């Protein structure tokens, strides 16, 4: 295996960092409702930031699978949207520095990339690594947004488990958390539950829930007004589209009944009021596969 430092360049002009948090959100895996995308774009728009580390995308990205866009202007190429896989340094609303890893999920050298991130975690003294993305679920938009949390230590998990044991397609984010746990680093991830019928749309309410989870885990003071305003507008638009559509309203009512049954069972040992109504692990894994296939179809279009 190559030296982890070979895959990235670190800015030599860094401020003193006292146990920063590293958030990560990469394009390419499941992100129903554009949850992770909305969250990272919100943070980069709302807070001052600069890139402090860049990864070697030529080694990590398959350009033929995800071709970058180029601009042709009359008789010449005028622009090239080069992919960037980078770590940004931001400060929250009280000046606390934290890090944000963004960019396309690597197509190759997963172990090498994860080793490089682990190296950065060690060099920068990162105390906690946090990831957020959205997953499609059979839940209604009329109920509070739920999520599944997972971590490298049991006491970092703050959400009750919706699932038992299952196999799903792998991701760099999942491998990163797994390898960090093996190395003794604290890491936590949040899979925000997005109504399956909104999985392909932007759903800011899920990003708000993800942001709140990040704040709770990290102690960072992060702005939320922009996301909350977008969530309110989107929720109003969804309500308007659903109203008067008997077929859609019937589906939503059925999901509400199922959700309420699960929520009502929370006082018992199991969250599952009736396991016959809950998708099996194989069904959930298949849903992940379908979602990824749809995403691949969109990317290649």
C-alpha atoms as a PDB file:
ATOM      1  CA  UNK A   1       0.000   0.000   0.000  1.00  0.00           C
ATOM      2  CA  UNK A   2       1.226   3.487  -0.849  1.00  0.00           C
ATOM      3  CA  UNK A   3       2.071   6.085   1.786  1.00  0.00           C
ATOM      4  CA  UNK A   4      -1.200   7.756   2.926  1.00  0.00           C
ATOM      5  CA  UNK A   5       0.389  11.187   2.503  1.00  0.00           C
ATOM      6  CA  UNK A   6       0.851  10.506  -1.214  1.00  0.00           C
ATOM      7  CA  UNK A   7      -2.887  10.900  -1.853  1.00  0.00           C
ATOM      8  CA  UNK A   8      -3.327  14.417  -0.462  1.00  0.00           C
ATOM      9  CA  UNK A   9      -1.647  17.790  -0.128  1.00  0.00           C
ATOM     10  CA  UNK A  10      -2.050  19.665   3.160  1.00  0.00           C
ATOM     11  CA  UNK A  11      -1.855  23.447   3.452  1.00  0.00           C
ATOM     12  CA  UNK A  12       1.187  24.359   5.515  1.00  0.00           C
ATOM     13  CA  UNK A  13      -0.423  27.572   6.806  1.00  0.00           C
ATOM     14  CA  UNK A  14      -2.852  26.152   9.349  1.00  0.00           C
ATOM     15  CA  UNK A  15      -4.150  27.753  12.533  1.00  0.00           C
ATOM     16  CA  UNK A  16      -3.858  25.940  15.833  1.00  0.00           C
ATOM     17  CA  UNK A  17      -6.572  23.284  15.975  1.00  0.00           C
ATOM     18  CA  UNK A  18      -7.666  21.945  19.358  1.00  0.00           C
ATOM     19  CA  UNK A  19      -9.493  18.668  18.759  1.00  0.00           C
ATOM     20  CA  UNK A  20     -11.641  19.739  15.769  1.00  0.00           C
ATOM     21  CA  UNK A  21     -14.654  17.847  14.467  1.00  0.00           C
ATOM     22  CA  UNK A  22     -14.512  16.470  10.909  1.00  0.00           C
ATOM     23  CA  UNK A  23     -17.797  16.285   8.990  1.00  0.00           C
ATOM     24  CA  UNK A  24     -17.898  14.313   5.760  1.00  0.00           C
ATOM     25  CA  UNK A  25     -20.417  14.283   2.926  1.00  0.00           C
ATOM     26  CA  UNK A  26     -19.436  12.765  -0.417  1.00  0.00           C
ATOM     27  CA  UNK A  27     -21.371  12.500  -3.686  1.00  0.00           C
ATOM     28  CA  UNK A  28     -21.937   9.092  -5.207  1.00  0.00           C
ATOM     29  CA  UNK A  29     -23.680   6.917  -2.631  1.00  0.00           C
ATOM     30  CA  UNK A  30     -27.266   6.956  -1.360  1.00  0.00           C
ATOM     31  CA  UNK A  31     -28.365  10.490  -0.460  1.00  0.00           C
ATOM     32  CA  UNK A  32     -32.154  10.474  -0.559  1.00  0.00           C
ATOM     33  CA  UNK A  33     -33.692  13.924  -0.570  1.00  0.00           C
ATOM     34  CA  UNK A  34     -30.213  15.360  -1.299  1.00  0.00           C
ATOM     35  CA  UNK A  35     -29.847  15.441   2.493  1.00  0.00           C
ATOM     36  CA  UNK A  36     -26.059  15.518   2.683  1.00  0.00           C
ATOM     37  CA  UNK A  37     -25.772  17.800  -0.344  1.00  0.00           C
ATOM     38  CA  UNK A  38     -28.171  20.373   1.112  1.00  0.00           C
ATOM     39  CA  UNK A  39     -26.384  20.281   4.461  1.00  0.00           C
ATOM     40  CA  UNK A  40     -22.881  20.809   3.110  1.00  0.00           C
ATOM     41  CA  UNK A  41     -23.992  23.506   0.636  1.00  0.00           C
ATOM     42  CA  UNK A  42     -25.770  25.297   3.482  1.00  0.00           C
ATOM     43  CA  UNK A  43     -22.662  25.262   5.682  1.00  0.00           C
ATOM     44  CA  UNK A  44     -20.360  26.416   2.891  1.00  0.00           C
ATOM     45  CA  UNK A  45     -22.769  29.218   1.946  1.00  0.00           C
ATOM     46  CA  UNK A  46     -23.383  30.375   5.518  1.00  0.00           C
ATOM     47  CA  UNK A  47     -19.872  30.171   6.986  1.00  0.00           C
ATOM     48  CA  UNK A  48     -16.488  31.460   5.892  1.00  0.00           C
ATOM     49  CA  UNK A  49     -14.238  28.658   4.729  1.00  0.00           C
ATOM     50  CA  UNK A  50     -11.068  27.755   2.888  1.00  0.00           C
ATOM     51  CA  UNK A  51      -9.597  24.538   1.522  1.00  0.00           C
ATOM     52  CA  UNK A  52      -6.758  23.154   3.635  1.00  0.00           C
ATOM     53  CA  UNK A  53      -6.266  19.754   1.979  1.00  0.00           C
ATOM     54  CA  UNK A  54      -6.843  18.384  -1.519  1.00  0.00           C
ATOM     55  CA  UNK A  55      -6.850  14.748  -2.566  1.00  0.00           C
ATOM     56  CA  UNK A  56      -5.338  13.363  -5.763  1.00  0.00           C
ATOM     57  CA  UNK A  57      -8.509  12.971  -7.841  1.00  0.00           C
ATOM     58  CA  UNK A  58      -6.540  11.644 -10.834  1.00  0.00           C
ATOM     59  CA  UNK A  59      -5.759   8.569  -8.740  1.00  0.00           C
ATOM     60  CA  UNK A  60      -9.181   8.258  -7.118  1.00  0.00           C
ATOM     61  CA  UNK A  61     -11.779   9.152  -9.773  1.00  0.00           C
ATOM     62  CA  UNK A  62     -12.874   7.231 -12.874  1.00  0.00           C
ATOM     63  CA  UNK A  63     -13.409  10.095 -15.324  1.00  0.00           C
ATOM     64  CA  UNK A  64     -15.042   7.871 -17.945  1.00  0.00           C
ATOM     65  CA  UNK A  65     -17.683   6.773 -15.445  1.00  0.00           C
ATOM     66  CA  UNK A  66     -18.369  10.322 -14.221  1.00  0.00           C
ATOM     67  CA  UNK A  67     -17.239  12.669 -16.947  1.00  0.00           C
ATOM     68  CA  UNK A  68     -16.567  16.235 -15.760  1.00  0.00           C
ATOM     69  CA  UNK A  69     -18.320  18.928 -17.776  1.00  0.00           C
ATOM     70  CA  UNK A  70     -16.502  21.195 -20.210  1.00  0.00           C
ATOM     71  CA  UNK A  71     -17.780  24.376 -21.835  1.00  0.00           C
ATOM     72  CA  UNK A  72     -17.425  24.885 -25.584  1.00  0.00           C
ATOM     73  CA  UNK A  73     -17.732  28.529 -26.618  1.00  0.00           C
ATOM     74  CA  UNK A  74     -18.166  29.035 -30.388  1.00  0.00           C
ATOM     75  CA  UNK A  75     -14.711  27.877 -31.477  1.00  0.00           C
ATOM     76  CA  UNK A  76     -12.786  26.918 -28.319  1.00  0.00           C
ATOM     77  CA  UNK A  77     -12.979  25.191 -24.964  1.00  0.00           C
ATOM     78  CA  UNK A  78     -13.489  27.921 -22.393  1.00  0.00           C
ATOM     79  CA  UNK A  79     -13.933  26.056 -19.126  1.00  0.00           C
ATOM     80  CA  UNK A  80     -13.388  22.729 -17.399  1.00  0.00           C
ATOM     81  CA  UNK A  81     -15.243  21.806 -14.181  1.00  0.00           C
ATOM     82  CA  UNK A  82     -12.456  19.821 -12.554  1.00  0.00           C
ATOM     83  CA  UNK A  83     -13.634  17.510  -9.761  1.00  0.00           C
ATOM     84  CA  UNK A  84     -12.336  18.368  -6.315  1.00  0.00           C
ATOM     85  CA  UNK A  85     -12.106  16.147  -3.264  1.00  0.00           C
ATOM     86  CA  UNK A  86     -11.096  18.436  -0.443  1.00  0.00           C
ATOM     87  CA  UNK A  87     -11.135  19.251   3.252  1.00  0.00           C
ATOM     88  CA  UNK A  88     -12.463  22.715   4.131  1.00  0.00           C
ATOM     89  CA  UNK A  89     -11.711  24.622   7.314  1.00  0.00           C
ATOM     90  CA  UNK A  90     -14.761  26.449   8.677  1.00  0.00           C
ATOM     91  CA  UNK A  91     -15.648  28.228  11.916  1.00  0.00           C
ATOM     92  CA  UNK A  92     -19.008  27.939  13.607  1.00  0.00           C
ATOM     93  CA  UNK A  93     -21.016  30.910  14.897  1.00  0.00           C
ATOM     94  CA  UNK A  94     -18.862  31.264  18.020  1.00  0.00           C
ATOM     95  CA  UNK A  95     -15.570  30.881  16.175  1.00  0.00           C
ATOM     96  CA  UNK A  96     -14.863  27.206  16.844  1.00  0.00           C
ATOM     97  CA  UNK A  97     -12.946  25.699  13.908  1.00  0.00           C
ATOM     98  CA  UNK A  98     -14.147  22.474  12.309  1.00  0.00           C
ATOM     99  CA  UNK A  99     -13.457  20.539   9.116  1.00  0.00           C
ATOM    100  CA  UNK A 100     -15.684  19.460   6.225  1.00  0.00           C
ATOM    101  CA  UNK A 101     -14.684  16.774   3.703  1.00  0.00           C
ATOM    102  CA  UNK A 102     -16.579  17.114   0.408  1.00  0.00           C
ATOM    103  CA  UNK A 103     -16.374  15.923  -3.169  1.00  0.00           C
ATOM    104  CA  UNK A 104     -17.081  12.813  -5.243  1.00  0.00           C
ATOM    105  CA  UNK A 105     -16.858   9.426  -3.564  1.00  0.00           C
ATOM    106  CA  UNK A 106     -13.661   7.780  -4.893  1.00  0.00           C
ATOM    107  CA  UNK A 107     -14.151   5.146  -7.572  1.00  0.00           C
ATOM    108  CA  UNK A 108     -10.913   3.350  -6.755  1.00  0.00           C
ATOM    109  CA  UNK A 109      -8.317   2.993  -3.985  1.00  0.00           C
ATOM    110  CA  UNK A 110     -10.920   2.971  -1.227  1.00  0.00           C
ATOM    111  CA  UNK A 111      -8.506   1.568   1.341  1.00  0.00           C
ATOM    112  CA  UNK A 112      -5.840   4.053   0.283  1.00  0.00           C
ATOM    113  CA  UNK A 113      -8.245   6.972   0.546  1.00  0.00           C
ATOM    114  CA  UNK A 114      -9.519   5.862   3.953  1.00  0.00           C
ATOM    115  CA  UNK A 115      -5.935   5.464   5.171  1.00  0.00           C
ATOM    116  CA  UNK A 116      -5.230   9.017   3.982  1.00  0.00           C
ATOM    117  CA  UNK A 117      -8.249  10.397   5.853  1.00  0.00           C
ATOM    118  CA  UNK A 118      -7.167   8.502   8.956  1.00  0.00           C
ATOM    119  CA  UNK A 119      -3.731  10.065   8.557  1.00  0.00           C
ATOM    120  CA  UNK A 120      -5.310  13.526   8.400  1.00  0.00           C
ATOM    121  CA  UNK A 121      -7.448  12.728  11.453  1.00  0.00           C
ATOM    122  CA  UNK A 122      -4.286  11.894  13.372  1.00  0.00           C
ATOM    123  CA  UNK A 123      -2.208  14.830  12.078  1.00  0.00           C
ATOM    124  CA  UNK A 124      -4.933  17.391  12.775  1.00  0.00           C
ATOM    125  CA  UNK A 125      -5.951  15.936  16.132  1.00  0.00           C
ATOM    126  CA  UNK A 126      -9.565  15.346  15.087  1.00  0.00           C
ATOM    127  CA  UNK A 127     -11.647  14.277  18.108  1.00  0.00           C
ATOM    128  CA  UNK A 128     -14.804  13.185  16.288  1.00  0.00           C
ATOM    129  CA  UNK A 129     -15.747  12.271  12.707  1.00  0.00           C
ATOM    130  CA  UNK A 130     -19.397  12.730  11.685  1.00  0.00           C
ATOM    131  CA  UNK A 131     -21.185  11.715   8.483  1.00  0.00           C
ATOM    132  CA  UNK A 132     -24.727  12.481   7.299  1.00  0.00           C
ATOM    133  CA  UNK A 133     -26.767  11.253   4.337  1.00  0.00           C
ATOM    134  CA  UNK A 134     -30.375  10.430   3.486  1.00  0.00           C
ATOM    135  CA  UNK A 135     -31.923   7.002   2.919  1.00  0.00           C
ATOM    136  CA  UNK A 136     -35.343   6.256   1.360  1.00  0.00           C
ATOM    137  CA  UNK A 137     -37.851   4.893   3.863  1.00  0.00           C
ATOM    138  CA  UNK A 138     -41.534   4.029   3.956  1.00  0.00           C
ATOM    139  CA  UNK A 139     -42.400   7.008   6.153  1.00  0.00           C
ATOM    140  CA  UNK A 140     -44.785   9.941   5.599  1.00  0.00           C
ATOM    141  CA  UNK A 141     -43.714  13.552   5.242  1.00  0.00           C
ATOM    142  CA  UNK A 142     -46.389  14.522   7.770  1.00  0.00           C
ATOM    143  CA  UNK A 143     -44.491  13.034  10.720  1.00  0.00           C
ATOM    144  CA  UNK A 144     -41.212  14.048  12.413  1.00  0.00           C
ATOM    145  CA  UNK A 145     -38.110  13.139  10.440  1.00  0.00           C
ATOM    146  CA  UNK A 146     -36.421  10.066  11.874  1.00  0.00           C
ATOM    147  CA  UNK A 147     -32.947   8.690  11.435  1.00  0.00           C
ATOM    148  CA  UNK A 148     -30.710   5.715  12.059  1.00  0.00           C
ATOM    149  CA  UNK A 149     -27.470   6.402  13.920  1.00  0.00           C
ATOM    150  CA  UNK A 150     -24.369   4.226  14.067  1.00  0.00           C
ATOM    151  CA  UNK A 151     -20.960   4.742  15.614  1.00  0.00           C
ATOM    152  CA  UNK A 152     -17.623   3.246  16.540  1.00  0.00           C
ATOM    153  CA  UNK A 153     -18.658   3.070  20.220  1.00  0.00           C
ATOM    154  CA  UNK A 154     -22.101   2.112  21.579  1.00  0.00           C
ATOM    155  CA  UNK A 155     -22.322   5.176  23.834  1.00  0.00           C
ATOM    156  CA  UNK A 156     -22.064   7.448  20.787  1.00  0.00           C
ATOM    157  CA  UNK A 157     -25.319   6.026  19.392  1.00  0.00           C
ATOM    158  CA  UNK A 158     -28.176   8.247  20.544  1.00  0.00           C
ATOM    159  CA  UNK A 159     -31.022   6.952  18.372  1.00  0.00           C
ATOM    160  CA  UNK A 160     -32.976   3.745  18.881  1.00  0.00           C
ATOM    161  CA  UNK A 161     -32.259   1.096  16.248  1.00  0.00           C
ATOM    162  CA  UNK A 162     -34.832   0.589  13.485  1.00  0.00           C
ATOM    163  CA  UNK A 163     -32.962  -2.357  12.004  1.00  0.00           C
ATOM    164  CA  UNK A 164     -31.305  -5.499  13.275  1.00  0.00           C
ATOM    165  CA  UNK A 165     -28.693  -7.086  11.006  1.00  0.00           C
ATOM    166  CA  UNK A 166     -28.580  -6.685   7.231  1.00  0.00           C
ATOM    167  CA  UNK A 167     -26.223  -6.319   4.288  1.00  0.00           C
ATOM    168  CA  UNK A 168     -26.309  -3.256   2.023  1.00  0.00           C
ATOM    169  CA  UNK A 169     -24.045  -1.971  -0.764  1.00  0.00           C
ATOM    170  CA  UNK A 170     -20.796  -0.620   0.622  1.00  0.00           C
ATOM    171  CA  UNK A 171     -19.626   2.994   0.592  1.00  0.00           C
ATOM    172  CA  UNK A 172     -16.449   4.916   1.330  1.00  0.00           C
ATOM    173  CA  UNK A 173     -18.288   6.646   4.199  1.00  0.00           C
ATOM    174  CA  UNK A 174     -19.158   3.299   5.746  1.00  0.00           C
ATOM    175  CA  UNK A 175     -15.637   1.942   5.255  1.00  0.00           C
ATOM    176  CA  UNK A 176     -14.159   5.106   6.764  1.00  0.00           C
ATOM    177  CA  UNK A 177     -16.262   4.738   9.916  1.00  0.00           C
ATOM    178  CA  UNK A 178     -15.395   1.030  10.115  1.00  0.00           C
ATOM    179  CA  UNK A 179     -11.635   1.607   9.795  1.00  0.00           C
ATOM    180  CA  UNK A 180     -11.700   4.540  12.211  1.00  0.00           C
ATOM    181  CA  UNK A 181     -13.350   2.282  14.761  1.00  0.00           C
ATOM    182  CA  UNK A 182     -10.655  -0.349  14.263  1.00  0.00           C
ATOM    183  CA  UNK A 183      -8.036   2.351  14.906  1.00  0.00           C
ATOM    184  CA  UNK A 184      -9.750   3.555  18.079  1.00  0.00           C
ATOM    185  CA  UNK A 185     -11.083   6.878  16.719  1.00  0.00           C
ATOM    186  CA  UNK A 186     -14.545   8.193  17.573  1.00  0.00           C
ATOM    187  CA  UNK A 187     -16.877   8.381  14.590  1.00  0.00           C
ATOM    188  CA  UNK A 188     -20.640   8.566  14.213  1.00  0.00           C
ATOM    189  CA  UNK A 189     -22.981   8.539  11.231  1.00  0.00           C
ATOM    190  CA  UNK A 190     -26.593   9.555  10.681  1.00  0.00           C
ATOM    191  CA  UNK A 191     -28.820   8.070   7.981  1.00  0.00           C
ATOM    192  CA  UNK A 192     -31.806  10.413   7.818  1.00  0.00           C
ATOM    193  CA  UNK A 193     -35.119   8.789   6.878  1.00  0.00           C
ATOM    194  CA  UNK A 194     -36.599  10.426   3.768  1.00  0.00           C
ATOM    195  CA  UNK A 195     -40.078   9.493   2.491  1.00  0.00           C
ATOM    196  CA  UNK A 196     -39.425   7.146  -0.416  1.00  0.00           C
ATOM    197  CA  UNK A 197     -41.699   9.161  -2.702  1.00  0.00           C
ATOM    198  CA  UNK A 198     -39.467  12.220  -2.117  1.00  0.00           C
ATOM    199  CA  UNK A 199     -36.133  10.413  -2.407  1.00  0.00           C
ATOM    200  CA  UNK A 200     -35.283  11.889  -5.814  1.00  0.00           C
ATOM    201  CA  UNK A 201     -36.281  15.433  -4.853  1.00  0.00           C
ATOM    202  CA  UNK A 202     -34.582  17.946  -2.574  1.00  0.00           C
ATOM    203  CA  UNK A 203     -36.057  17.563   0.899  1.00  0.00           C
ATOM    204  CA  UNK A 204     -34.664  20.293   3.211  1.00  0.00           C
ATOM    205  CA  UNK A 205     -36.523  18.952   6.275  1.00  0.00           C
ATOM    206  CA  UNK A 206     -34.162  15.967   6.220  1.00  0.00           C
ATOM    207  CA  UNK A 207     -31.138  18.282   6.051  1.00  0.00           C
ATOM    208  CA  UNK A 208     -32.480  20.201   9.074  1.00  0.00           C
ATOM    209  CA  UNK A 209     -32.737  16.928  11.003  1.00  0.00           C
ATOM    210  CA  UNK A 210     -29.207  16.015   9.939  1.00  0.00           C
ATOM    211  CA  UNK A 211     -27.900  19.411  11.027  1.00  0.00           C
ATOM    212  CA  UNK A 212     -29.546  19.034  14.435  1.00  0.00           C
ATOM    213  CA  UNK A 213     -27.927  15.604  14.823  1.00  0.00           C
ATOM    214  CA  UNK A 214     -24.507  17.056  13.968  1.00  0.00           C
ATOM    215  CA  UNK A 215     -24.970  19.850  16.518  1.00  0.00           C
ATOM    216  CA  UNK A 216     -26.022  17.358  19.176  1.00  0.00           C
ATOM    217  CA  UNK A 217     -23.045  15.086  18.550  1.00  0.00           C
ATOM    218  CA  UNK A 218     -20.367  17.741  18.099  1.00  0.00           C
ATOM    219  CA  UNK A 219     -21.408  20.692  20.243  1.00  0.00           C
ATOM    220  CA  UNK A 220     -20.826  23.020  17.300  1.00  0.00           C
ATOM    221  CA  UNK A 221     -23.002  26.130  16.998  1.00  0.00           C
ATOM    222  CA  UNK A 222     -24.237  25.990  13.412  1.00  0.00           C
ATOM    223  CA  UNK A 223     -26.686  28.277  11.570  1.00  0.00           C
ATOM    224  CA  UNK A 224     -29.977  26.727  10.528  1.00  0.00           C
ATOM    225  CA  UNK A 225     -32.273  29.573   9.421  1.00  0.00           C
ATOM    226  CA  UNK A 226     -31.658  29.109   5.702  1.00  0.00           C
ATOM    227  CA  UNK A 227     -32.373  25.385   5.814  1.00  0.00           C
ATOM    228  CA  UNK A 228     -35.448  25.854   8.005  1.00  0.00           C
ATOM    229  CA  UNK A 229     -36.879  28.466   5.633  1.00  0.00           C
ATOM    230  CA  UNK A 230     -36.307  26.137   2.674  1.00  0.00           C
ATOM    231  CA  UNK A 231     -37.928  23.269   4.600  1.00  0.00           C
ATOM    232  CA  UNK A 232     -41.017  25.374   5.358  1.00  0.00           C
ATOM    233  CA  UNK A 233     -41.399  26.340   1.685  1.00  0.00           C
ATOM    234  CA  UNK A 234     -40.916  22.774   0.492  1.00  0.00           C
ATOM    235  CA  UNK A 235     -43.345  21.360   3.057  1.00  0.00           C
ATOM    236  CA  UNK A 236     -45.984  23.853   1.906  1.00  0.00           C
ATOM    237  CA  UNK A 237     -45.419  22.880  -1.725  1.00  0.00           C
ATOM    238  CA  UNK A 238     -45.706  19.171  -0.879  1.00  0.00           C
ATOM    239  CA  UNK A 239     -48.937  19.746   1.068  1.00  0.00           C
ATOM    240  CA  UNK A 240     -50.388  21.660  -1.878  1.00  0.00           C
ATOM    241  CA  UNK A 241     -49.483  18.898  -4.327  1.00  0.00           C
ATOM    242  CA  UNK A 242     -50.879  16.160  -2.096  1.00  0.00           C
ATOM    243  CA  UNK A 243     -54.154  17.953  -1.331  1.00  0.00           C
ATOM    244  CA  UNK A 244     -56.920  16.869  -3.635  1.00  0.00           C
ATOM    245  CA  UNK A 245     -55.033  13.866  -5.033  1.00  0.00           C
ATOM    246  CA  UNK A 246     -57.015  10.947  -3.655  1.00  0.00           C
ATOM    247  CA  UNK A 247     -54.477   8.315  -4.638  1.00  0.00           C
ATOM    248  CA  UNK A 248     -51.543  10.132  -3.029  1.00  0.00           C
ATOM    249  CA  UNK A 249     -53.558  11.005   0.073  1.00  0.00           C
ATOM    250  CA  UNK A 250     -54.450   7.328   0.484  1.00  0.00           C
ATOM    251  CA  UNK A 251     -50.776   6.342   0.352  1.00  0.00           C
ATOM    252  CA  UNK A 252     -49.831   9.035   2.874  1.00  0.00           C
ATOM    253  CA  UNK A 253     -52.603   7.984   5.268  1.00  0.00           C
ATOM    254  CA  UNK A 254     -51.431   4.372   5.113  1.00  0.00           C
ATOM    255  CA  UNK A 255     -47.865   5.443   5.873  1.00  0.00           C
ATOM    256  CA  UNK A 256     -49.109   7.605   8.749  1.00  0.00           C
ATOM    257  CA  UNK A 257     -50.902   4.628  10.280  1.00  0.00           C
ATOM    258  CA  UNK A 258     -47.802   2.464   9.954  1.00  0.00           C
ATOM    259  CA  UNK A 259     -45.548   5.193  11.376  1.00  0.00           C
ATOM    260  CA  UNK A 260     -47.881   5.808  14.322  1.00  0.00           C
ATOM    261  CA  UNK A 261     -47.955   2.085  15.070  1.00  0.00           C
ATOM    262  CA  UNK A 262     -44.148   2.003  15.180  1.00  0.00           C
ATOM    263  CA  UNK A 263     -43.979   5.141  17.323  1.00  0.00           C
ATOM    264  CA  UNK A 264     -46.585   3.767  19.697  1.00  0.00           C
ATOM    265  CA  UNK A 265     -44.503   0.643  20.163  1.00  0.00           C
ATOM    266  CA  UNK A 266     -41.494   2.674  21.317  1.00  0.00           C
ATOM    267  CA  UNK A 267     -42.501   2.242  24.953  1.00  0.00           C
ATOM    268  CA  UNK A 268     -42.099  -1.500  24.572  1.00  0.00           C
ATOM    269  CA  UNK A 269     -38.812  -3.353  24.095  1.00  0.00           C
ATOM    270  CA  UNK A 270     -39.143  -3.345  20.300  1.00  0.00           C
ATOM    271  CA  UNK A 271     -39.883  -0.424  18.043  1.00  0.00           C
ATOM    272  CA  UNK A 272     -41.737  -2.736  15.696  1.00  0.00           C
ATOM    273  CA  UNK A 273     -45.447  -2.813  16.448  1.00  0.00           C
ATOM    274  CA  UNK A 274     -46.049  -5.421  13.794  1.00  0.00           C
ATOM    275  CA  UNK A 275     -43.002  -6.882  12.089  1.00  0.00           C
ATOM    276  CA  UNK A 276     -45.168  -8.039   9.184  1.00  0.00           C
ATOM    277  CA  UNK A 277     -45.595  -4.372   8.165  1.00  0.00           C
ATOM    278  CA  UNK A 278     -41.870  -3.596   8.389  1.00  0.00           C
ATOM    279  CA  UNK A 279     -39.650  -4.261   5.354  1.00  0.00           C
ATOM    280  CA  UNK A 280     -37.217  -7.116   5.777  1.00  0.00           C
ATOM    281  CA  UNK A 281     -33.453  -6.585   5.661  1.00  0.00           C
ATOM    282  CA  UNK A 282     -33.397  -8.050   2.132  1.00  0.00           C
ATOM    283  CA  UNK A 283     -36.148  -5.648   1.028  1.00  0.00           C
ATOM    284  CA  UNK A 284     -34.263  -2.656   2.460  1.00  0.00           C
ATOM    285  CA  UNK A 285     -31.055  -3.768   0.754  1.00  0.00           C
ATOM    286  CA  UNK A 286     -32.953  -4.156  -2.515  1.00  0.00           C
ATOM    287  CA  UNK A 287     -34.344  -0.641  -2.100  1.00  0.00           C
ATOM    288  CA  UNK A 288     -30.794   0.663  -1.690  1.00  0.00           C
ATOM    289  CA  UNK A 289     -29.787  -1.166  -4.866  1.00  0.00           C
ATOM    290  CA  UNK A 290     -32.705   0.338  -6.823  1.00  0.00           C
ATOM    291  CA  UNK A 291     -31.931   3.822  -5.551  1.00  0.00           C
ATOM    292  CA  UNK A 292     -28.271   3.499  -6.540  1.00  0.00           C
ATOM    293  CA  UNK A 293     -29.253   2.218  -9.990  1.00  0.00           C
ATOM    294  CA  UNK A 294     -31.550   5.220 -10.471  1.00  0.00           C
ATOM    295  CA  UNK A 295     -28.746   7.547  -9.395  1.00  0.00           C
ATOM    296  CA  UNK A 296     -26.307   5.908 -11.816  1.00  0.00           C
ATOM    297  CA  UNK A 297     -28.850   6.323 -14.595  1.00  0.00           C
ATOM    298  CA  UNK A 298     -29.167  10.019 -13.795  1.00  0.00           C
ATOM    299  CA  UNK A 299     -25.395  10.541 -13.626  1.00  0.00           C
ATOM    300  CA  UNK A 300     -24.802   8.931 -16.984  1.00  0.00           C
ATOM    301  CA  UNK A 301     -27.590  10.804 -18.716  1.00  0.00           C
END
